[in-house]
Amino acid sequence: MKLVPATLRTTGRRAIAIAAAAVAGLAISTAAYAATSSGTAPTAASIPRCTASDLGVWLAVGQGNGAAGTIYYPLEFTNLSHHTCYLFGYPGVSALDRNGHQLGSPAQWGSLRGAHIVNVAPGATAHTLLAYHDAVVTTEPGCHPVNSAANLRIYPPGQRSATFAAFSFQACSHAGPIWMNIVEPIIPGVGTING
């Protein structure tokens, strides 16, 4: 058996402890950077993305506001699950007739500049604004015939499964004219006047 002096054993233990602390610090700072960086999603081990089954989606029809042929409606996403989930970006939105057939083109949206990860706790709500261009529906030749929509089909950002929100309005029956758009990426909080 080979004897190692006590000073070398202590130095070796310190080196191992320093190396372990450095690795742990690097892992923590990397995780913190990933969670807070703009445009990045939380890791799979932390908060999951919100799915259609996690959410109750509704349009605040009574809060519609606008002029010059466009009405803006708060589009609300309430977390009905028992866990926090996150939303990032724009939802997919299209209009459906009473038979579930899509009417016209889906809602358009802009760039992700300024988008942030929105963590939605159980029972909490996040929102965006849906712009409905009623002037396009009534004047654009490519819209005719105009049909009555009964629902909105809404895909949470990054999801392929949809949920639905009741909304009765006039819609273009053909694809082409843009008569709906999502004004901004999803942001925290309820988008209605009274919260």
Protein backbone atom coordinates (compact mmCIF):
# COMPACT_ATOMS: atom_id res chain seq x y z
CA MET A 1 0.00 0.00 0.00
CA LYS A 2 1.36 3.37 -1.05
CA LEU A 3 1.06 6.22 1.46
CA VAL A 4 0.10 9.69 0.21
CA PRO A 5 1.02 12.69 2.33
CA ALA A 6 -1.95 14.45 4.03
CA THR A 7 -1.24 17.72 2.20
CA LEU A 8 -1.65 16.00 -1.20
CA ARG A 9 -4.91 14.30 -0.12
CA THR A 10 -6.36 17.66 1.02
CA THR A 11 -5.20 19.41 -2.16
CA GLY A 12 -6.75 16.65 -4.31
CA ARG A 13 -10.09 16.93 -2.49
CA ARG A 14 -10.10 20.70 -2.93
CA ALA A 15 -9.40 20.35 -6.65
CA ILE A 16 -12.29 17.91 -7.03
CA ALA A 17 -14.63 20.18 -5.03
CA ILE A 18 -13.62 23.25 -7.09
CA ALA A 19 -14.12 21.36 -10.35
CA ALA A 20 -17.56 20.12 -9.24
CA ALA A 21 -18.60 23.64 -8.19
CA ALA A 22 -17.43 25.06 -11.52
CA VAL A 23 -19.43 22.47 -13.47
CA ALA A 24 -22.52 23.08 -11.32
CA GLY A 25 -22.17 26.86 -11.75
CA LEU A 26 -21.85 26.51 -15.51
CA ALA A 27 -24.94 24.30 -15.66
CA ILE A 28 -26.97 26.74 -13.54
CA SER A 29 -25.91 29.81 -15.52
CA THR A 30 -26.58 28.03 -18.84
CA ALA A 31 -30.08 27.01 -17.68
CA ALA A 32 -30.80 30.53 -16.43
CA TYR A 33 -29.66 32.03 -19.74
CA ALA A 34 -31.80 29.58 -21.73
CA ALA A 35 -34.88 30.34 -19.63
CA THR A 36 -34.56 34.11 -19.87
CA SER A 37 -33.23 34.65 -23.38
CA SER A 38 -35.65 36.30 -25.77
CA GLY A 39 -37.02 33.90 -28.34
CA THR A 40 -36.04 30.72 -26.52
CA ALA A 41 -38.37 28.26 -24.88
CA PRO A 42 -37.97 26.80 -21.40
CA THR A 43 -36.38 23.38 -21.24
CA ALA A 44 -38.64 20.35 -21.44
CA ALA A 45 -37.78 19.54 -17.82
CA SER A 46 -39.24 22.81 -16.57
CA ILE A 47 -42.52 24.20 -17.97
CA PRO A 48 -44.38 22.50 -20.85
CA ARG A 49 -45.89 24.33 -23.79
CA CYS A 50 -49.67 24.89 -23.48
CA THR A 51 -51.74 22.48 -25.56
CA ALA A 52 -55.31 22.82 -26.81
CA SER A 53 -56.47 20.48 -24.04
CA ASP A 54 -54.87 22.74 -21.39
CA LEU A 55 -56.72 25.85 -22.52
CA GLY A 56 -60.14 27.43 -22.62
CA VAL A 57 -60.04 29.91 -25.49
CA TRP A 58 -62.65 32.62 -25.82
CA LEU A 59 -63.27 35.81 -27.72
CA ALA A 60 -64.34 38.82 -25.66
CA VAL A 61 -67.06 39.77 -28.16
CA GLY A 62 -68.54 42.45 -25.89
CA GLN A 63 -65.12 44.17 -25.80
CA GLY A 64 -64.86 44.61 -29.59
CA ASN A 65 -63.58 48.05 -30.50
CA GLY A 66 -62.59 49.68 -33.74
CA ALA A 67 -63.35 51.97 -36.64
CA ALA A 68 -62.76 52.37 -40.37
CA GLY A 69 -63.84 48.85 -41.23
CA THR A 70 -61.85 46.91 -38.59
CA ILE A 71 -62.99 45.66 -35.19
CA TYR A 72 -60.44 44.44 -32.61
CA TYR A 73 -61.44 41.66 -30.22
CA PRO A 74 -59.40 40.36 -27.26
CA LEU A 75 -58.67 36.67 -27.86
CA GLU A 76 -58.23 35.07 -24.43
CA PHE A 77 -56.34 31.89 -23.42
CA THR A 78 -57.24 30.63 -19.92
CA ASN A 79 -55.24 27.75 -18.44
CA LEU A 80 -57.78 25.13 -17.32
CA SER A 81 -55.16 22.52 -16.42
CA HIS A 82 -53.61 21.86 -13.00
CA HIS A 83 -50.09 22.81 -14.11
CA THR A 84 -48.33 25.92 -15.39
CA CYS A 85 -47.69 25.92 -19.13
CA TYR A 86 -46.26 28.48 -21.53
CA LEU A 87 -47.33 30.23 -24.74
CA PHE A 88 -44.94 31.86 -27.20
CA GLY A 89 -45.85 33.64 -30.41
CA TYR A 90 -49.07 33.69 -32.41
CA PRO A 91 -52.03 31.31 -32.42
CA GLY A 92 -53.42 29.90 -35.65
CA VAL A 93 -57.00 31.12 -36.19
CA SER A 94 -59.54 30.27 -38.87
CA ALA A 95 -63.32 30.63 -39.22
CA LEU A 96 -65.67 27.66 -39.54
CA ASP A 97 -69.23 27.42 -40.78
CA ARG A 98 -71.94 25.49 -38.92
CA ASN A 99 -70.80 22.25 -40.60
CA GLY A 100 -67.19 22.67 -39.51
CA HIS A 101 -65.85 23.72 -42.94
CA GLN A 102 -63.22 26.45 -43.05
CA LEU A 103 -64.31 29.78 -44.50
CA GLY A 104 -61.73 31.83 -46.37
CA SER A 105 -58.08 32.23 -45.44
CA PRO A 106 -56.79 31.80 -41.90
CA ALA A 107 -55.81 34.87 -39.89
CA GLN A 108 -52.43 36.35 -40.77
CA TRP A 109 -49.79 37.59 -38.32
CA GLY A 110 -46.57 39.57 -38.25
CA SER A 111 -43.03 38.97 -37.06
CA LEU A 112 -42.04 37.47 -33.72
CA ARG A 113 -40.06 40.60 -32.85
CA GLY A 114 -40.95 41.50 -29.29
CA ALA A 115 -42.51 38.11 -28.54
CA HIS A 116 -41.89 36.76 -25.05
CA ILE A 117 -42.50 33.46 -23.32
CA VAL A 118 -45.72 33.80 -21.32
CA ASN A 119 -46.03 31.39 -18.40
CA VAL A 120 -49.72 30.79 -17.67
CA ALA A 121 -50.46 29.45 -14.18
CA PRO A 122 -53.56 27.32 -13.55
CA GLY A 123 -56.60 29.62 -13.76
CA ALA A 124 -54.59 32.49 -15.26
CA THR A 125 -55.20 34.07 -18.67
CA ALA A 126 -53.04 35.45 -21.50
CA HIS A 127 -54.30 37.19 -24.61
CA THR A 128 -53.74 38.72 -28.02
CA LEU A 129 -55.92 40.84 -30.31
CA LEU A 130 -57.87 39.51 -33.28
CA ALA A 131 -58.56 42.11 -35.96
CA TYR A 132 -61.72 41.40 -37.98
CA HIS A 133 -61.81 43.47 -41.19
CA ASP A 134 -65.55 43.64 -41.83
CA ALA A 135 -65.00 46.18 -44.64
CA VAL A 136 -62.97 43.58 -46.58
CA VAL A 137 -65.72 40.99 -46.14
CA THR A 138 -68.37 43.33 -47.49
CA THR A 139 -66.38 44.94 -50.31
CA GLU A 140 -63.66 42.55 -51.56
CA PRO A 141 -64.82 40.76 -54.76
CA GLY A 142 -62.88 37.57 -53.88
CA CYS A 143 -64.91 37.11 -50.69
CA HIS A 144 -68.24 36.35 -52.35
CA PRO A 145 -70.36 34.60 -51.52
CA VAL A 146 -70.25 35.80 -47.93
CA ASN A 147 -71.21 33.11 -45.41
CA SER A 148 -71.99 33.08 -41.70
CA ALA A 149 -69.24 31.74 -39.48
CA ALA A 150 -70.25 29.95 -36.29
CA ASN A 151 -66.87 29.23 -34.64
CA LEU A 152 -63.22 30.06 -34.62
CA ARG A 153 -60.77 27.15 -34.76
CA ILE A 154 -57.73 28.14 -32.70
CA TYR A 155 -54.36 26.41 -32.59
CA PRO A 156 -52.22 27.43 -29.61
CA PRO A 157 -48.75 28.53 -30.76
CA GLY A 158 -46.60 25.57 -31.83
CA GLN A 159 -49.48 23.05 -31.64
CA ARG A 160 -51.24 20.89 -34.23
CA SER A 161 -54.37 20.26 -32.16
CA ALA A 162 -57.03 22.96 -32.01
CA THR A 163 -59.70 24.18 -29.68
CA PHE A 164 -62.77 26.22 -30.59
CA ALA A 165 -64.41 29.50 -29.61
CA ALA A 166 -68.00 30.41 -30.50
CA PHE A 167 -68.26 33.54 -32.64
CA SER A 168 -71.00 34.35 -35.14
CA PHE A 169 -70.00 36.79 -37.90
CA GLN A 170 -69.90 37.26 -41.65
CA ALA A 171 -66.89 35.66 -43.39
CA CYS A 172 -65.36 35.35 -46.83
CA SER A 173 -66.18 31.94 -48.25
CA HIS A 174 -63.11 31.78 -50.55
CA ALA A 175 -59.42 31.81 -49.69
CA GLY A 176 -57.40 34.81 -50.80
CA PRO A 177 -58.59 38.06 -49.21
CA ILE A 178 -57.11 38.72 -45.78
CA TRP A 179 -60.00 39.66 -43.51
CA MET A 180 -58.60 38.53 -40.13
CA ASN A 181 -55.21 39.01 -38.56
CA ILE A 182 -53.61 38.56 -35.17
CA VAL A 183 -52.27 41.97 -34.13
CA GLU A 184 -49.54 40.94 -31.69
CA PRO A 185 -47.89 37.88 -30.15
CA ILE A 186 -49.59 36.53 -27.02
CA ILE A 187 -48.99 38.65 -23.91
CA PRO A 188 -49.76 38.04 -20.20
CA GLY A 189 -53.03 38.96 -18.54
CA VAL A 190 -56.66 39.30 -19.46
CA GLY A 191 -57.23 41.62 -22.41
CA THR A 192 -60.64 42.92 -21.41
CA ILE A 193 -61.30 46.38 -20.02
CA ASN A 194 -62.32 45.13 -16.58
CA GLY A 195 -59.73 42.33 -16.43
